[in-house]
């Protein structure tokens, strides 16, 4: 499944696991940690698919086969909003919700992937303009 500029399969898988993980985190919050045991494995699959997808995108960029823009900032914004809203609702509703470590680890991984790909993109554009 090629989309002309990379492997669309990884994009679809990453988007699928993103939605599954968002849903699991929201359900875990609503049910006050009832889905805690599911979040770790789902997060691991999500991070793996995200790493493969972004690695594939960067390889395509550096192979001069990548032109489309799919900004990763959107993932970071949505993750940030989700985590902040959970903290706010937890305070407002005076719940005893404990944010799973896997959620924080996933957020850090998403930030890291964005930082690395941003630096890679900057370096590529610098080299391309020379």
C-alpha atoms as a PDB file:
ATOM      1  CA  UNK A   1       0.000   0.000   0.000  1.00  0.00           C
ATOM      2  CA  UNK A   2       2.012   2.901  -1.277  1.00  0.00           C
ATOM      3  CA  UNK A   3       0.627   6.419  -1.378  1.00  0.00           C
ATOM      4  CA  UNK A   4       3.186   7.646  -3.875  1.00  0.00           C
ATOM      5  CA  UNK A   5       5.485   9.161  -1.265  1.00  0.00           C
ATOM      6  CA  UNK A   6       5.911   6.485   1.350  1.00  0.00           C
ATOM      7  CA  UNK A   7       4.211   3.642   3.000  1.00  0.00           C
ATOM      8  CA  UNK A   8       0.562   4.444   3.669  1.00  0.00           C
ATOM      9  CA  UNK A   9       0.158   1.279   5.731  1.00  0.00           C
ATOM     10  CA  UNK A  10       2.180   2.781   8.604  1.00  0.00           C
ATOM     11  CA  UNK A  11       0.170   5.990   8.474  1.00  0.00           C
ATOM     12  CA  UNK A  12      -3.104   4.058   8.666  1.00  0.00           C
ATOM     13  CA  UNK A  13      -1.835   1.822  11.468  1.00  0.00           C
ATOM     14  CA  UNK A  14      -0.538   4.795  13.421  1.00  0.00           C
ATOM     15  CA  UNK A  15      -3.825   6.658  13.013  1.00  0.00           C
ATOM     16  CA  UNK A  16      -5.776   3.548  14.047  1.00  0.00           C
ATOM     17  CA  UNK A  17      -3.683   2.951  17.195  1.00  0.00           C
ATOM     18  CA  UNK A  18      -3.827   6.665  18.009  1.00  0.00           C
ATOM     19  CA  UNK A  19      -7.622   6.532  18.093  1.00  0.00           C
ATOM     20  CA  UNK A  20      -7.622   3.272  20.059  1.00  0.00           C
ATOM     21  CA  UNK A  21      -5.214   4.722  22.642  1.00  0.00           C
ATOM     22  CA  UNK A  22      -7.130   8.009  22.954  1.00  0.00           C
ATOM     23  CA  UNK A  23     -10.321   6.019  23.513  1.00  0.00           C
ATOM     24  CA  UNK A  24      -8.644   3.769  26.094  1.00  0.00           C
ATOM     25  CA  UNK A  25      -7.250   6.754  28.000  1.00  0.00           C
ATOM     26  CA  UNK A  26     -10.628   8.501  28.002  1.00  0.00           C
ATOM     27  CA  UNK A  27     -12.426   5.309  29.084  1.00  0.00           C
ATOM     28  CA  UNK A  28      -9.816   4.752  31.796  1.00  0.00           C
ATOM     29  CA  UNK A  29     -10.469   8.260  33.100  1.00  0.00           C
ATOM     30  CA  UNK A  30     -14.257   7.931  32.950  1.00  0.00           C
ATOM     31  CA  UNK A  31     -14.149   4.589  34.789  1.00  0.00           C
ATOM     32  CA  UNK A  32     -11.475   5.734  37.276  1.00  0.00           C
ATOM     33  CA  UNK A  33      -8.651   3.419  36.155  1.00  0.00           C
ATOM     34  CA  UNK A  34     -10.726   0.396  35.106  1.00  0.00           C
ATOM     35  CA  UNK A  35      -8.728   0.144  31.836  1.00  0.00           C
ATOM     36  CA  UNK A  36      -5.298   0.718  33.356  1.00  0.00           C
ATOM     37  CA  UNK A  37      -4.028  -2.758  32.384  1.00  0.00           C
ATOM     38  CA  UNK A  38      -4.915  -2.220  28.714  1.00  0.00           C
ATOM     39  CA  UNK A  39      -3.211   1.134  28.313  1.00  0.00           C
ATOM     40  CA  UNK A  40       0.373  -0.128  28.577  1.00  0.00           C
ATOM     41  CA  UNK A  41       0.156  -2.685  25.753  1.00  0.00           C
ATOM     42  CA  UNK A  42      -1.877  -0.338  23.541  1.00  0.00           C
ATOM     43  CA  UNK A  43       0.609   2.479  24.179  1.00  0.00           C
ATOM     44  CA  UNK A  44       3.528   0.193  23.286  1.00  0.00           C
ATOM     45  CA  UNK A  45       1.919  -0.726  19.961  1.00  0.00           C
ATOM     46  CA  UNK A  46       1.094   2.930  19.296  1.00  0.00           C
ATOM     47  CA  UNK A  47       4.652   4.109  20.031  1.00  0.00           C
ATOM     48  CA  UNK A  48       6.110   1.348  17.846  1.00  0.00           C
ATOM     49  CA  UNK A  49       3.835   2.190  14.908  1.00  0.00           C
ATOM     50  CA  UNK A  50       4.545   5.921  15.366  1.00  0.00           C
ATOM     51  CA  UNK A  51       8.305   5.318  15.418  1.00  0.00           C
ATOM     52  CA  UNK A  52       8.165   3.151  12.293  1.00  0.00           C
ATOM     53  CA  UNK A  53       5.894   5.606  10.491  1.00  0.00           C
ATOM     54  CA  UNK A  54       8.024   8.645  11.301  1.00  0.00           C
ATOM     55  CA  UNK A  55      11.214   6.740  10.530  1.00  0.00           C
ATOM     56  CA  UNK A  56       9.747   5.783   7.161  1.00  0.00           C
ATOM     57  CA  UNK A  57       8.761   9.412   6.522  1.00  0.00           C
ATOM     58  CA  UNK A  58      12.258  10.632   7.369  1.00  0.00           C
ATOM     59  CA  UNK A  59      13.879   7.968   5.188  1.00  0.00           C
ATOM     60  CA  UNK A  60      11.632   9.073   2.323  1.00  0.00           C
ATOM     61  CA  UNK A  61      12.573  12.719   2.957  1.00  0.00           C
ATOM     62  CA  UNK A  62      16.297  11.988   2.921  1.00  0.00           C
ATOM     63  CA  UNK A  63      15.853   9.806  -0.176  1.00  0.00           C
ATOM     64  CA  UNK A  64      14.251  12.825  -1.873  1.00  0.00           C
ATOM     65  CA  UNK A  65      10.977  10.926  -2.304  1.00  0.00           C
ATOM     66  CA  UNK A  66       8.931  12.845   0.233  1.00  0.00           C
ATOM     67  CA  UNK A  67       6.891  15.896  -0.649  1.00  0.00           C
ATOM     68  CA  UNK A  68       3.595  15.678   1.243  1.00  0.00           C
ATOM     69  CA  UNK A  69       3.155  17.458   4.536  1.00  0.00           C
ATOM     70  CA  UNK A  70       1.602  15.657   7.449  1.00  0.00           C
ATOM     71  CA  UNK A  71       2.407  17.796  10.437  1.00  0.00           C
ATOM     72  CA  UNK A  72       3.235  15.814  13.566  1.00  0.00           C
ATOM     73  CA  UNK A  73       2.440  18.856  15.644  1.00  0.00           C
ATOM     74  CA  UNK A  74      -1.207  17.811  15.522  1.00  0.00           C
ATOM     75  CA  UNK A  75      -0.392  14.645  17.522  1.00  0.00           C
ATOM     76  CA  UNK A  76       1.403  16.713  20.155  1.00  0.00           C
ATOM     77  CA  UNK A  77      -1.426  19.248  20.383  1.00  0.00           C
ATOM     78  CA  UNK A  78      -4.092  16.561  20.782  1.00  0.00           C
ATOM     79  CA  UNK A  79      -2.029  14.671  23.378  1.00  0.00           C
ATOM     80  CA  UNK A  80      -1.412  17.896  25.294  1.00  0.00           C
ATOM     81  CA  UNK A  81      -5.091  18.849  25.259  1.00  0.00           C
ATOM     82  CA  UNK A  82      -6.124  15.337  26.333  1.00  0.00           C
ATOM     83  CA  UNK A  83      -3.725  15.232  29.283  1.00  0.00           C
ATOM     84  CA  UNK A  84      -4.506  18.786  30.413  1.00  0.00           C
ATOM     85  CA  UNK A  85      -8.257  18.150  30.215  1.00  0.00           C
ATOM     86  CA  UNK A  86      -7.903  14.977  32.265  1.00  0.00           C
ATOM     87  CA  UNK A  87      -5.960  16.866  34.939  1.00  0.00           C
ATOM     88  CA  UNK A  88      -8.532  19.679  34.955  1.00  0.00           C
ATOM     89  CA  UNK A  89     -11.562  17.354  35.125  1.00  0.00           C
ATOM     90  CA  UNK A  90      -9.855  15.278  37.799  1.00  0.00           C
ATOM     91  CA  UNK A  91      -9.471  18.428  39.913  1.00  0.00           C
ATOM     92  CA  UNK A  92     -12.952  19.774  39.211  1.00  0.00           C
ATOM     93  CA  UNK A  93     -14.676  16.441  39.851  1.00  0.00           C
ATOM     94  CA  UNK A  94     -12.423  15.683  42.842  1.00  0.00           C
ATOM     95  CA  UNK A  95     -11.739  12.205  41.497  1.00  0.00           C
ATOM     96  CA  UNK A  96      -8.986   9.943  42.711  1.00  0.00           C
ATOM     97  CA  UNK A  97      -7.862   9.186  39.176  1.00  0.00           C
ATOM     98  CA  UNK A  98      -4.221   8.222  38.758  1.00  0.00           C
ATOM     99  CA  UNK A  99      -2.800   8.966  35.329  1.00  0.00           C
ATOM    100  CA  UNK A 100      -1.181   5.724  34.121  1.00  0.00           C
ATOM    101  CA  UNK A 101       2.590   5.932  33.728  1.00  0.00           C
ATOM    102  CA  UNK A 102       2.176   4.623  30.173  1.00  0.00           C
ATOM    103  CA  UNK A 103       0.208   7.752  29.232  1.00  0.00           C
ATOM    104  CA  UNK A 104       2.965  10.062  30.468  1.00  0.00           C
ATOM    105  CA  UNK A 105       5.619   7.888  28.804  1.00  0.00           C
ATOM    106  CA  UNK A 106       3.673   7.979  25.549  1.00  0.00           C
ATOM    107  CA  UNK A 107       3.376  11.759  25.719  1.00  0.00           C
ATOM    108  CA  UNK A 108       7.134  12.027  26.242  1.00  0.00           C
ATOM    109  CA  UNK A 109       7.727   9.657  23.312  1.00  0.00           C
ATOM    110  CA  UNK A 110       5.461  11.740  21.057  1.00  0.00           C
ATOM    111  CA  UNK A 111       7.315  14.926  22.074  1.00  0.00           C
ATOM    112  CA  UNK A 112      10.634  13.192  21.406  1.00  0.00           C
ATOM    113  CA  UNK A 113       9.561  11.975  17.970  1.00  0.00           C
ATOM    114  CA  UNK A 114       8.407  15.485  17.071  1.00  0.00           C
ATOM    115  CA  UNK A 115      11.687  17.017  18.244  1.00  0.00           C
ATOM    116  CA  UNK A 116      13.814  14.503  16.323  1.00  0.00           C
ATOM    117  CA  UNK A 117      11.808  14.753  13.120  1.00  0.00           C
ATOM    118  CA  UNK A 118      11.773  18.534  13.406  1.00  0.00           C
ATOM    119  CA  UNK A 119      15.557  18.602  13.677  1.00  0.00           C
ATOM    120  CA  UNK A 120      15.849  16.126  10.801  1.00  0.00           C
ATOM    121  CA  UNK A 121      13.564  18.267   8.640  1.00  0.00           C
ATOM    122  CA  UNK A 122      15.508  21.421   9.518  1.00  0.00           C
ATOM    123  CA  UNK A 123      18.834  19.727   8.690  1.00  0.00           C
ATOM    124  CA  UNK A 124      17.441  18.324   5.431  1.00  0.00           C
ATOM    125  CA  UNK A 125      16.160  21.738   4.335  1.00  0.00           C
ATOM    126  CA  UNK A 126      19.491  23.337   5.268  1.00  0.00           C
ATOM    127  CA  UNK A 127      21.408  20.777   3.196  1.00  0.00           C
ATOM    128  CA  UNK A 128      18.916  21.040   0.341  1.00  0.00           C
ATOM    129  CA  UNK A 129      19.358  24.821   0.090  1.00  0.00           C
ATOM    130  CA  UNK A 130      23.147  24.556  -0.286  1.00  0.00           C
END
